[in-house]
């Protein structure tokens, strides 16, 4: 059934409900680093009965094509929206990724993997530098400070290795063996 088949009262009820959900989605998208307006765009695509072009979205949202394009690109980068092909259409079409479990795990993997890798790189490099400094400073006050700092960094490295394993469980789907999806 499409919205075209609803009477005016039914259409108003559906639009009111959808508007409320779209507003809350828009407000909560900051958790993903996404602007309020891009969150609204996601909400629009969530309720769309068919894939939409940037022009379609622009008409619905009263936003510029540039803003639409930027928002869609952000959503594509986070795997929250998919580009789809439709026979007879020469324009790019987009639809929301309805698997929210996959959306969350993709987002987590994309954002956290990068952070873990860069933090581990810096921590390991710093530990190597500390080792060299400690070897050079046999009887110096800096040696004790460096030893304490190295211990703290080694604990951080353990945490990031654990976090990397957590990311692996999201990437390969085994997280759902530990925390099953709701049926």
N, C-alpha and C. Protein backbone atom coordinates (compact mmCIF):
# COMPACT_ATOMS: atom_id res chain seq x y z
N UNK A 1 0.85 -1.18 0.00
CA UNK A 1 0.00 0.00 0.00
C UNK A 1 0.89 1.23 0.00
N UNK A 2 0.50 2.23 -0.77
CA UNK A 2 1.29 3.47 -0.83
C UNK A 2 0.52 4.61 -0.17
N UNK A 3 1.22 5.69 0.06
CA UNK A 3 0.58 6.87 0.67
C UNK A 3 -0.54 7.42 -0.20
N UNK A 4 -0.46 7.20 -1.50
CA UNK A 4 -1.48 7.71 -2.42
C UNK A 4 -2.85 7.10 -2.17
N UNK A 5 -2.87 5.94 -1.53
CA UNK A 5 -4.13 5.24 -1.28
C UNK A 5 -4.79 5.67 0.03
N UNK A 6 -4.15 6.54 0.78
CA UNK A 6 -4.70 6.99 2.06
C UNK A 6 -5.58 8.21 1.87
N UNK A 7 -6.59 8.33 2.74
CA UNK A 7 -7.38 9.56 2.70
C UNK A 7 -6.62 10.64 3.45
N UNK A 8 -7.13 11.84 3.42
CA UNK A 8 -6.43 13.00 4.00
C UNK A 8 -6.13 12.81 5.49
N UNK A 9 -7.08 12.29 6.24
CA UNK A 9 -6.91 12.08 7.68
C UNK A 9 -5.84 11.01 7.94
N UNK A 10 -5.90 9.91 7.21
CA UNK A 10 -4.92 8.84 7.37
C UNK A 10 -3.51 9.33 7.01
N UNK A 11 -3.43 10.09 5.94
CA UNK A 11 -2.14 10.64 5.51
C UNK A 11 -1.56 11.55 6.59
N UNK A 12 -2.40 12.36 7.19
CA UNK A 12 -1.95 13.27 8.25
C UNK A 12 -1.43 12.48 9.45
N UNK A 13 -2.11 11.40 9.81
CA UNK A 13 -1.68 10.56 10.94
C UNK A 13 -0.30 9.95 10.64
N UNK A 14 -0.15 9.37 9.45
CA UNK A 14 1.12 8.74 9.08
C UNK A 14 2.24 9.78 9.04
N UNK A 15 1.98 10.92 8.45
CA UNK A 15 3.02 11.96 8.36
C UNK A 15 3.43 12.46 9.74
N UNK A 16 2.48 12.58 10.65
CA UNK A 16 2.80 13.02 12.01
C UNK A 16 3.70 12.00 12.72
N UNK A 17 3.35 10.73 12.58
CA UNK A 17 4.16 9.68 13.20
C UNK A 17 5.57 9.64 12.59
N UNK A 18 5.64 9.71 11.28
CA UNK A 18 6.94 9.68 10.61
C UNK A 18 7.78 10.89 10.98
N UNK A 19 7.14 12.05 11.04
CA UNK A 19 7.87 13.27 11.39
C UNK A 19 8.51 13.14 12.77
N UNK A 20 7.78 12.56 13.71
CA UNK A 20 8.30 12.37 15.07
C UNK A 20 9.52 11.45 15.04
N UNK A 21 9.44 10.36 14.30
CA UNK A 21 10.57 9.41 14.22
C UNK A 21 11.75 10.06 13.50
N UNK A 22 11.48 10.75 12.40
CA UNK A 22 12.55 11.42 11.65
C UNK A 22 13.25 12.45 12.52
N UNK A 23 12.49 13.16 13.32
CA UNK A 23 13.08 14.18 14.20
C UNK A 23 14.01 13.53 15.22
N UNK A 24 13.60 12.43 15.81
CA UNK A 24 14.43 11.77 16.81
C UNK A 24 15.66 11.15 16.15
N UNK A 25 15.50 10.59 14.95
CA UNK A 25 16.66 10.07 14.22
C UNK A 25 17.65 11.20 13.96
N UNK A 26 17.12 12.33 13.49
CA UNK A 26 17.98 13.49 13.22
C UNK A 26 18.74 13.95 14.44
N UNK A 27 18.05 14.00 15.58
CA UNK A 27 18.70 14.44 16.82
C UNK A 27 19.77 13.48 17.28
N UNK A 28 19.55 12.19 17.09
CA UNK A 28 20.48 11.19 17.60
C UNK A 28 21.62 10.86 16.66
N UNK A 29 21.59 11.37 15.45
CA UNK A 29 22.65 11.07 14.49
C UNK A 29 23.98 11.70 14.88
N UNK A 30 23.97 12.63 15.82
CA UNK A 30 25.24 13.21 16.26
C UNK A 30 26.13 12.13 16.88
N UNK A 31 25.54 11.02 17.36
CA UNK A 31 26.34 9.89 17.86
C UNK A 31 27.23 9.33 16.76
N UNK A 32 26.79 9.46 15.52
CA UNK A 32 27.54 8.98 14.37
C UNK A 32 28.37 10.10 13.74
N UNK A 33 28.35 11.28 14.34
CA UNK A 33 29.08 12.41 13.77
C UNK A 33 28.38 12.98 12.55
N UNK A 34 27.08 12.83 12.51
CA UNK A 34 26.29 13.28 11.37
C UNK A 34 25.42 14.45 11.81
N UNK A 35 25.30 15.44 10.92
CA UNK A 35 24.51 16.63 11.24
C UNK A 35 23.02 16.29 11.35
N UNK A 36 22.33 17.17 12.03
CA UNK A 36 20.88 17.04 12.22
C UNK A 36 20.17 16.92 10.87
N UNK A 37 20.53 17.78 9.92
CA UNK A 37 19.85 17.77 8.62
C UNK A 37 20.13 16.48 7.85
N UNK A 38 21.34 15.95 7.97
CA UNK A 38 21.65 14.68 7.32
C UNK A 38 20.89 13.54 8.00
N UNK A 39 20.70 13.66 9.29
CA UNK A 39 19.87 12.70 10.02
C UNK A 39 18.44 12.72 9.52
N UNK A 40 17.93 13.91 9.24
CA UNK A 40 16.59 14.03 8.67
C UNK A 40 16.54 13.38 7.28
N UNK A 41 17.59 13.57 6.53
CA UNK A 41 17.69 12.95 5.20
C UNK A 41 17.64 11.42 5.33
N UNK A 42 18.37 10.89 6.29
CA UNK A 42 18.34 9.45 6.54
C UNK A 42 16.90 9.02 6.89
N UNK A 43 16.24 9.80 7.72
CA UNK A 43 14.86 9.49 8.10
C UNK A 43 13.93 9.48 6.89
N UNK A 44 14.12 10.45 6.00
CA UNK A 44 13.32 10.50 4.77
C UNK A 44 13.52 9.22 3.96
N UNK A 45 14.77 8.82 3.78
CA UNK A 45 15.07 7.61 3.02
C UNK A 45 14.55 6.36 3.74
N UNK A 46 14.56 6.38 5.05
CA UNK A 46 14.07 5.25 5.85
C UNK A 46 12.60 4.97 5.54
N UNK A 47 11.81 6.02 5.40
CA UNK A 47 10.38 5.85 5.16
C UNK A 47 10.01 5.83 3.68
N UNK A 48 10.97 6.06 2.79
CA UNK A 48 10.67 6.09 1.36
C UNK A 48 10.23 4.70 0.89
N UNK A 49 9.24 4.68 0.01
CA UNK A 49 8.73 3.42 -0.53
C UNK A 49 9.56 2.91 -1.70
N UNK A 50 10.49 3.74 -2.15
CA UNK A 50 11.31 3.38 -3.31
C UNK A 50 12.60 4.20 -3.24
N UNK A 51 13.64 3.76 -3.96
CA UNK A 51 14.88 4.55 -3.98
C UNK A 51 14.61 5.96 -4.48
N UNK A 52 15.42 6.91 -3.99
CA UNK A 52 15.22 8.32 -4.34
C UNK A 52 16.47 8.91 -4.97
N UNK A 53 16.27 9.88 -5.86
CA UNK A 53 17.38 10.63 -6.43
C UNK A 53 17.65 11.84 -5.54
N UNK A 54 18.77 12.52 -5.80
CA UNK A 54 19.05 13.76 -5.06
C UNK A 54 17.95 14.79 -5.31
N UNK A 55 17.45 14.84 -6.53
CA UNK A 55 16.36 15.78 -6.84
C UNK A 55 15.11 15.46 -6.02
N UNK A 56 14.76 14.18 -5.92
CA UNK A 56 13.60 13.77 -5.11
C UNK A 56 13.78 14.22 -3.66
N UNK A 57 14.96 13.95 -3.14
CA UNK A 57 15.24 14.30 -1.74
C UNK A 57 15.19 15.81 -1.55
N UNK A 58 15.75 16.54 -2.51
CA UNK A 58 15.77 17.99 -2.42
C UNK A 58 14.37 18.58 -2.37
N UNK A 59 13.47 18.04 -3.18
CA UNK A 59 12.08 18.51 -3.17
C UNK A 59 11.41 18.23 -1.83
N UNK A 60 11.64 17.05 -1.30
CA UNK A 60 11.03 16.66 -0.02
C UNK A 60 11.60 17.45 1.16
N UNK A 61 12.89 17.71 1.11
CA UNK A 61 13.57 18.31 2.26
C UNK A 61 13.75 19.82 2.13
N UNK A 62 13.50 20.36 0.97
CA UNK A 62 13.72 21.79 0.72
C UNK A 62 15.17 22.17 1.05
N UNK A 63 16.10 21.33 0.59
CA UNK A 63 17.52 21.57 0.78
C UNK A 63 18.18 21.70 -0.58
N UNK A 64 19.32 22.34 -0.62
CA UNK A 64 20.05 22.48 -1.88
C UNK A 64 20.61 21.13 -2.31
N UNK A 65 20.86 21.00 -3.61
CA UNK A 65 21.42 19.76 -4.13
C UNK A 65 22.82 19.51 -3.56
N UNK A 66 23.57 20.58 -3.32
CA UNK A 66 24.90 20.45 -2.74
C UNK A 66 24.81 19.86 -1.34
N UNK A 67 23.89 20.38 -0.53
CA UNK A 67 23.71 19.85 0.83
C UNK A 67 23.25 18.40 0.80
N UNK A 68 22.35 18.11 -0.13
CA UNK A 68 21.87 16.74 -0.28
C UNK A 68 23.02 15.81 -0.65
N UNK A 69 23.82 16.23 -1.61
CA UNK A 69 24.94 15.42 -2.08
C UNK A 69 25.93 15.15 -0.95
N UNK A 70 26.25 16.18 -0.18
CA UNK A 70 27.17 16.03 0.94
C UNK A 70 26.59 15.07 1.98
N UNK A 71 25.32 15.25 2.30
CA UNK A 71 24.67 14.38 3.28
C UNK A 71 24.64 12.93 2.83
N UNK A 72 24.27 12.72 1.57
CA UNK A 72 24.22 11.35 1.04
C UNK A 72 25.61 10.74 1.03
N UNK A 73 26.62 11.51 0.65
CA UNK A 73 27.99 11.00 0.63
C UNK A 73 28.42 10.57 2.04
N UNK A 74 28.08 11.37 3.05
CA UNK A 74 28.40 10.99 4.43
C UNK A 74 27.71 9.68 4.81
N UNK A 75 26.45 9.56 4.45
CA UNK A 75 25.69 8.35 4.76
C UNK A 75 26.24 7.14 4.00
N UNK A 76 26.66 7.35 2.76
CA UNK A 76 27.29 6.27 1.98
C UNK A 76 28.59 5.83 2.63
N UNK A 77 29.41 6.79 3.05
CA UNK A 77 30.70 6.47 3.67
C UNK A 77 30.54 5.63 4.93
N UNK A 78 29.43 5.85 5.64
CA UNK A 78 29.17 5.10 6.87
C UNK A 78 28.33 3.84 6.62
N UNK A 79 28.08 3.54 5.35
CA UNK A 79 27.30 2.36 4.94
C UNK A 79 25.88 2.41 5.49
N UNK A 80 25.34 3.61 5.70
CA UNK A 80 23.97 3.75 6.19
C UNK A 80 22.98 3.88 5.03
N UNK A 81 23.51 4.18 3.85
CA UNK A 81 22.72 4.34 2.63
C UNK A 81 23.45 3.59 1.52
N UNK A 82 22.68 3.02 0.62
CA UNK A 82 23.26 2.30 -0.52
C UNK A 82 22.85 2.99 -1.82
N UNK A 83 23.77 2.99 -2.77
CA UNK A 83 23.45 3.45 -4.12
C UNK A 83 22.90 2.24 -4.85
N UNK A 84 21.76 2.42 -5.51
CA UNK A 84 21.13 1.30 -6.20
C UNK A 84 20.91 1.66 -7.67
N UNK A 85 20.71 0.63 -8.47
CA UNK A 85 20.48 0.81 -9.88
C UNK A 85 19.03 0.43 -10.17
N UNK A 86 18.40 1.21 -11.01
CA UNK A 86 17.04 0.91 -11.42
C UNK A 86 16.95 1.04 -12.92
N UNK A 87 16.40 0.04 -13.55
CA UNK A 87 16.30 0.02 -15.01
C UNK A 87 15.56 1.26 -15.50
N UNK A 88 16.16 1.92 -16.49
CA UNK A 88 15.53 3.08 -17.10
C UNK A 88 15.89 4.41 -16.46
N UNK A 89 16.60 4.37 -15.33
CA UNK A 89 16.97 5.62 -14.66
C UNK A 89 18.44 5.93 -14.94
N UNK A 90 18.70 7.17 -15.34
CA UNK A 90 20.08 7.58 -15.57
C UNK A 90 20.67 8.30 -14.35
N UNK A 91 19.83 8.61 -13.40
CA UNK A 91 20.30 9.31 -12.20
C UNK A 91 20.65 8.31 -11.11
N UNK A 92 21.54 8.73 -10.22
CA UNK A 92 21.88 7.90 -9.07
C UNK A 92 20.67 7.81 -8.14
N UNK A 93 20.41 6.62 -7.67
CA UNK A 93 19.31 6.37 -6.74
C UNK A 93 19.88 5.86 -5.43
N UNK A 94 19.23 6.22 -4.34
CA UNK A 94 19.72 5.85 -3.02
C UNK A 94 18.58 5.28 -2.19
N UNK A 95 18.95 4.31 -1.35
CA UNK A 95 18.00 3.77 -0.39
C UNK A 95 18.74 3.51 0.92
N UNK A 96 18.00 3.51 1.98
CA UNK A 96 18.58 3.33 3.30
C UNK A 96 18.98 1.86 3.49
N UNK A 97 20.00 1.63 4.29
CA UNK A 97 20.36 0.26 4.69
C UNK A 97 19.47 -0.07 5.89
N UNK A 98 18.57 -1.02 5.71
CA UNK A 98 17.59 -1.32 6.75
C UNK A 98 18.13 -2.21 7.85
N UNK A 99 19.25 -2.83 7.64
CA UNK A 99 19.84 -3.68 8.66
C UNK A 99 20.61 -2.80 9.64
N UNK A 100 19.95 -2.35 10.69
CA UNK A 100 20.56 -1.44 11.66
C UNK A 100 21.69 -2.10 12.43
N UNK A 101 21.63 -3.39 12.59
CA UNK A 101 22.73 -4.10 13.25
C UNK A 101 23.99 -3.96 12.41
N UNK A 102 23.83 -4.19 11.10
CA UNK A 102 24.97 -4.08 10.19
C UNK A 102 25.45 -2.64 10.11
N UNK A 103 24.51 -1.69 10.10
CA UNK A 103 24.88 -0.28 10.06
C UNK A 103 25.74 0.09 11.26
N UNK A 104 25.30 -0.36 12.45
CA UNK A 104 26.07 -0.05 13.65
C UNK A 104 27.44 -0.69 13.61
N UNK A 105 27.49 -1.98 13.25
CA UNK A 105 28.80 -2.64 13.25
C UNK A 105 29.72 -2.05 12.20
N UNK A 106 29.18 -1.70 11.02
CA UNK A 106 30.00 -1.04 10.00
C UNK A 106 30.54 0.28 10.52
N UNK A 107 29.67 1.08 11.14
CA UNK A 107 30.10 2.37 11.67
C UNK A 107 31.19 2.17 12.72
N UNK A 108 30.95 1.27 13.64
CA UNK A 108 31.91 1.02 14.71
C UNK A 108 33.25 0.59 14.13
N UNK A 109 33.21 -0.34 13.18
CA UNK A 109 34.45 -0.84 12.57
C UNK A 109 35.17 0.28 11.85
N UNK A 110 34.45 1.06 11.04
CA UNK A 110 35.06 2.14 10.25
C UNK A 110 35.74 3.16 11.17
N UNK A 111 35.02 3.61 12.18
CA UNK A 111 35.54 4.67 13.06
C UNK A 111 36.60 4.16 14.03
N UNK A 112 36.34 3.04 14.68
CA UNK A 112 37.23 2.59 15.73
C UNK A 112 38.49 1.92 15.22
N UNK A 113 38.40 1.23 14.09
CA UNK A 113 39.60 0.57 13.56
C UNK A 113 40.68 1.61 13.29
N UNK A 114 40.28 2.71 12.69
CA UNK A 114 41.23 3.78 12.37
C UNK A 114 41.86 4.35 13.66
N UNK A 115 41.04 4.56 14.67
CA UNK A 115 41.54 5.10 15.93
C UNK A 115 42.48 4.11 16.62
N UNK A 116 42.11 2.85 16.65
CA UNK A 116 42.94 1.83 17.29
C UNK A 116 44.30 1.74 16.60
N UNK A 117 44.29 1.68 15.28
CA UNK A 117 45.55 1.55 14.54
C UNK A 117 46.47 2.74 14.79
N UNK A 118 45.93 3.95 14.76
CA UNK A 118 46.80 5.11 14.96
C UNK A 118 47.29 5.19 16.40
N UNK A 119 46.45 4.86 17.36
CA UNK A 119 46.87 4.88 18.76
C UNK A 119 47.93 3.82 19.05
N UNK A 120 47.73 2.61 18.51
CA UNK A 120 48.74 1.56 18.70
C UNK A 120 50.07 1.95 18.07
N UNK A 121 50.03 2.52 16.90
CA UNK A 121 51.26 2.95 16.23
C UNK A 121 52.04 3.94 17.08
N UNK A 122 51.36 4.95 17.60
CA UNK A 122 52.01 5.98 18.41
C UNK A 122 52.50 5.40 19.73
N UNK A 123 51.68 4.59 20.38
CA UNK A 123 52.09 4.00 21.66
C UNK A 123 53.31 3.10 21.50
N UNK A 124 53.29 2.25 20.49
CA UNK A 124 54.44 1.35 20.27
C UNK A 124 55.71 2.12 19.92
N UNK A 125 55.56 3.14 19.11
CA UNK A 125 56.71 3.98 18.76
C UNK A 125 57.26 4.67 20.02
N UNK A 126 56.36 5.16 20.85
CA UNK A 126 56.78 5.85 22.07
C UNK A 126 57.47 4.89 23.04
N UNK A 127 56.98 3.66 23.15
CA UNK A 127 57.61 2.67 24.03
C UNK A 127 59.03 2.37 23.55
N UNK A 128 59.23 2.25 22.24
CA UNK A 128 60.58 2.01 21.70
C UNK A 128 61.51 3.17 22.04
N UNK A 129 61.00 4.39 21.90
CA UNK A 129 61.82 5.57 22.23
C UNK A 129 62.16 5.59 23.72
N UNK A 130 61.18 5.24 24.53
CA UNK A 130 61.43 5.18 25.98
C UNK A 130 62.49 4.14 26.30
N UNK A 131 62.43 2.98 25.65
CA UNK A 131 63.43 1.93 25.89
C UNK A 131 64.83 2.45 25.59
N UNK A 132 64.98 3.18 24.51
CA UNK A 132 66.30 3.75 24.17
C UNK A 132 66.74 4.77 25.21
N UNK A 133 65.80 5.61 25.64
CA UNK A 133 66.14 6.63 26.63
C UNK A 133 66.52 5.99 27.97
N UNK A 134 65.78 4.95 28.36
CA UNK A 134 66.08 4.26 29.62
C UNK A 134 67.47 3.63 29.56
N UNK A 135 67.81 3.05 28.44
CA UNK A 135 69.14 2.43 28.28
C UNK A 135 70.24 3.47 28.41
N UNK A 136 69.97 4.69 27.95
CA UNK A 136 70.97 5.77 28.01
C UNK A 136 71.03 6.44 29.38
N UNK A 137 69.97 6.34 30.13
CA UNK A 137 69.87 7.05 31.42
C UNK A 137 69.88 6.05 32.58
N UNK A 138 71.06 5.58 32.95
CA UNK A 138 71.18 4.56 33.98
C UNK A 138 70.85 5.11 35.38
N UNK A 139 71.32 6.27 35.72
CA UNK A 139 71.13 6.84 37.05
C UNK A 139 70.64 8.28 36.92
N UNK A 140 69.42 8.43 36.48
CA UNK A 140 68.89 9.78 36.28
C UNK A 140 67.44 9.81 36.74
N UNK A 141 66.99 10.97 37.28
CA UNK A 141 65.59 11.07 37.72
C UNK A 141 64.58 10.81 36.58
N UNK A 142 64.99 11.11 35.35
CA UNK A 142 64.08 10.90 34.23
C UNK A 142 63.80 9.41 34.00
N UNK A 143 64.75 8.58 34.38
CA UNK A 143 64.60 7.14 34.17
C UNK A 143 63.36 6.60 34.87
N UNK A 144 63.14 6.98 36.14
CA UNK A 144 61.96 6.51 36.89
C UNK A 144 60.66 7.00 36.26
N UNK A 145 60.66 8.24 35.80
CA UNK A 145 59.47 8.79 35.14
C UNK A 145 59.20 8.01 33.86
N UNK A 146 60.23 7.76 33.09
CA UNK A 146 60.07 7.02 31.83
C UNK A 146 59.57 5.59 32.07
N UNK A 147 60.07 4.96 33.11
CA UNK A 147 59.63 3.60 33.43
C UNK A 147 58.14 3.59 33.78
N UNK A 148 57.69 4.55 34.58
CA UNK A 148 56.26 4.64 34.93
C UNK A 148 55.41 4.93 33.69
N UNK A 149 55.90 5.83 32.85
CA UNK A 149 55.17 6.16 31.62
C UNK A 149 55.07 4.93 30.71
N UNK A 150 56.15 4.19 30.61
CA UNK A 150 56.16 2.99 29.77
C UNK A 150 55.13 1.98 30.28
N UNK A 151 55.05 1.80 31.60
CA UNK A 151 54.07 0.87 32.17
C UNK A 151 52.64 1.30 31.81
N UNK A 152 52.38 2.60 31.90
CA UNK A 152 51.05 3.12 31.54
C UNK A 152 50.76 2.88 30.06
N UNK A 153 51.75 3.11 29.23
CA UNK A 153 51.58 2.91 27.80
C UNK A 153 51.36 1.44 27.46
N UNK A 154 52.07 0.56 28.15
CA UNK A 154 51.90 -0.87 27.90
C UNK A 154 50.48 -1.32 28.29
N UNK A 155 49.93 -0.76 29.35
CA UNK A 155 48.55 -1.07 29.72
C UNK A 155 47.59 -0.55 28.64
N UNK A 156 47.87 0.63 28.11
CA UNK A 156 47.05 1.17 27.02
C UNK A 156 47.12 0.27 25.79
N UNK A 157 48.30 -0.22 25.50
CA UNK A 157 48.47 -1.13 24.34
C UNK A 157 47.60 -2.37 24.52
N UNK A 158 47.58 -2.93 25.73
CA UNK A 158 46.74 -4.10 26.00
C UNK A 158 45.27 -3.78 25.73
N UNK A 159 44.83 -2.61 26.17
CA UNK A 159 43.45 -2.19 25.93
C UNK A 159 43.16 -2.10 24.44
N UNK A 160 44.05 -1.47 23.67
CA UNK A 160 43.80 -1.31 22.23
C UNK A 160 43.85 -2.64 21.48
N UNK A 161 44.66 -3.57 21.96
CA UNK A 161 44.67 -4.91 21.36
C UNK A 161 43.32 -5.59 21.63
N UNK A 162 42.80 -5.44 22.87
CA UNK A 162 41.48 -5.97 23.19
C UNK A 162 40.41 -5.31 22.33
N UNK A 163 40.47 -4.00 22.20
CA UNK A 163 39.50 -3.28 21.39
C UNK A 163 39.57 -3.71 19.92
N UNK A 164 40.76 -3.98 19.44
CA UNK A 164 40.93 -4.48 18.07
C UNK A 164 40.24 -5.83 17.91
N UNK A 165 40.35 -6.69 18.93
CA UNK A 165 39.66 -7.98 18.88
C UNK A 165 38.14 -7.79 18.90
N UNK A 166 37.66 -6.82 19.68
CA UNK A 166 36.23 -6.52 19.70
C UNK A 166 35.77 -6.06 18.31
N UNK A 167 36.56 -5.21 17.69
CA UNK A 167 36.25 -4.75 16.34
C UNK A 167 36.20 -5.94 15.38
N UNK A 168 37.14 -6.89 15.54
CA UNK A 168 37.13 -8.11 14.71
C UNK A 168 35.81 -8.85 14.84
N UNK A 169 35.28 -8.95 16.07
CA UNK A 169 34.01 -9.67 16.27
C UNK A 169 32.86 -8.96 15.57
N UNK A 170 32.94 -7.65 15.48
CA UNK A 170 31.90 -6.93 14.76
C UNK A 170 32.07 -7.10 13.25
N UNK A 171 33.31 -7.10 12.82
CA UNK A 171 33.58 -7.21 11.40
C UNK A 171 33.21 -8.59 10.86
N UNK A 172 33.49 -9.64 11.64
CA UNK A 172 33.19 -10.99 11.15
C UNK A 172 31.83 -11.52 11.60
N UNK A 173 31.12 -10.72 12.39
CA UNK A 173 29.76 -11.09 12.80
C UNK A 173 29.66 -11.95 14.03
N UNK A 174 30.79 -12.35 14.61
CA UNK A 174 30.72 -13.21 15.80
C UNK A 174 30.20 -12.46 17.03
N UNK A 175 30.14 -11.15 16.96
CA UNK A 175 29.54 -10.38 18.06
C UNK A 175 28.10 -10.86 18.31
N UNK A 176 27.44 -11.29 17.22
CA UNK A 176 26.04 -11.71 17.34
C UNK A 176 25.91 -13.09 17.98
N UNK A 177 27.02 -13.84 18.10
CA UNK A 177 27.01 -15.07 18.88
C UNK A 177 27.00 -14.72 20.37
N UNK A 178 27.65 -13.62 20.71
CA UNK A 178 27.73 -13.18 22.11
C UNK A 178 26.51 -12.38 22.52
N UNK A 179 26.06 -11.52 21.62
CA UNK A 179 24.89 -10.66 21.87
C UNK A 179 23.98 -10.82 20.65
N UNK A 180 23.08 -11.82 20.71
CA UNK A 180 22.24 -12.10 19.54
C UNK A 180 21.32 -10.93 19.17
N UNK A 181 21.01 -10.89 17.88
CA UNK A 181 20.05 -9.91 17.36
C UNK A 181 18.67 -10.22 17.95
N UNK A 182 17.88 -9.20 18.10
CA UNK A 182 16.49 -9.39 18.53
C UNK A 182 15.69 -9.96 17.36
N UNK A 183 14.86 -10.90 17.64
CA UNK A 183 14.01 -11.50 16.58
C UNK A 183 12.64 -10.87 16.59
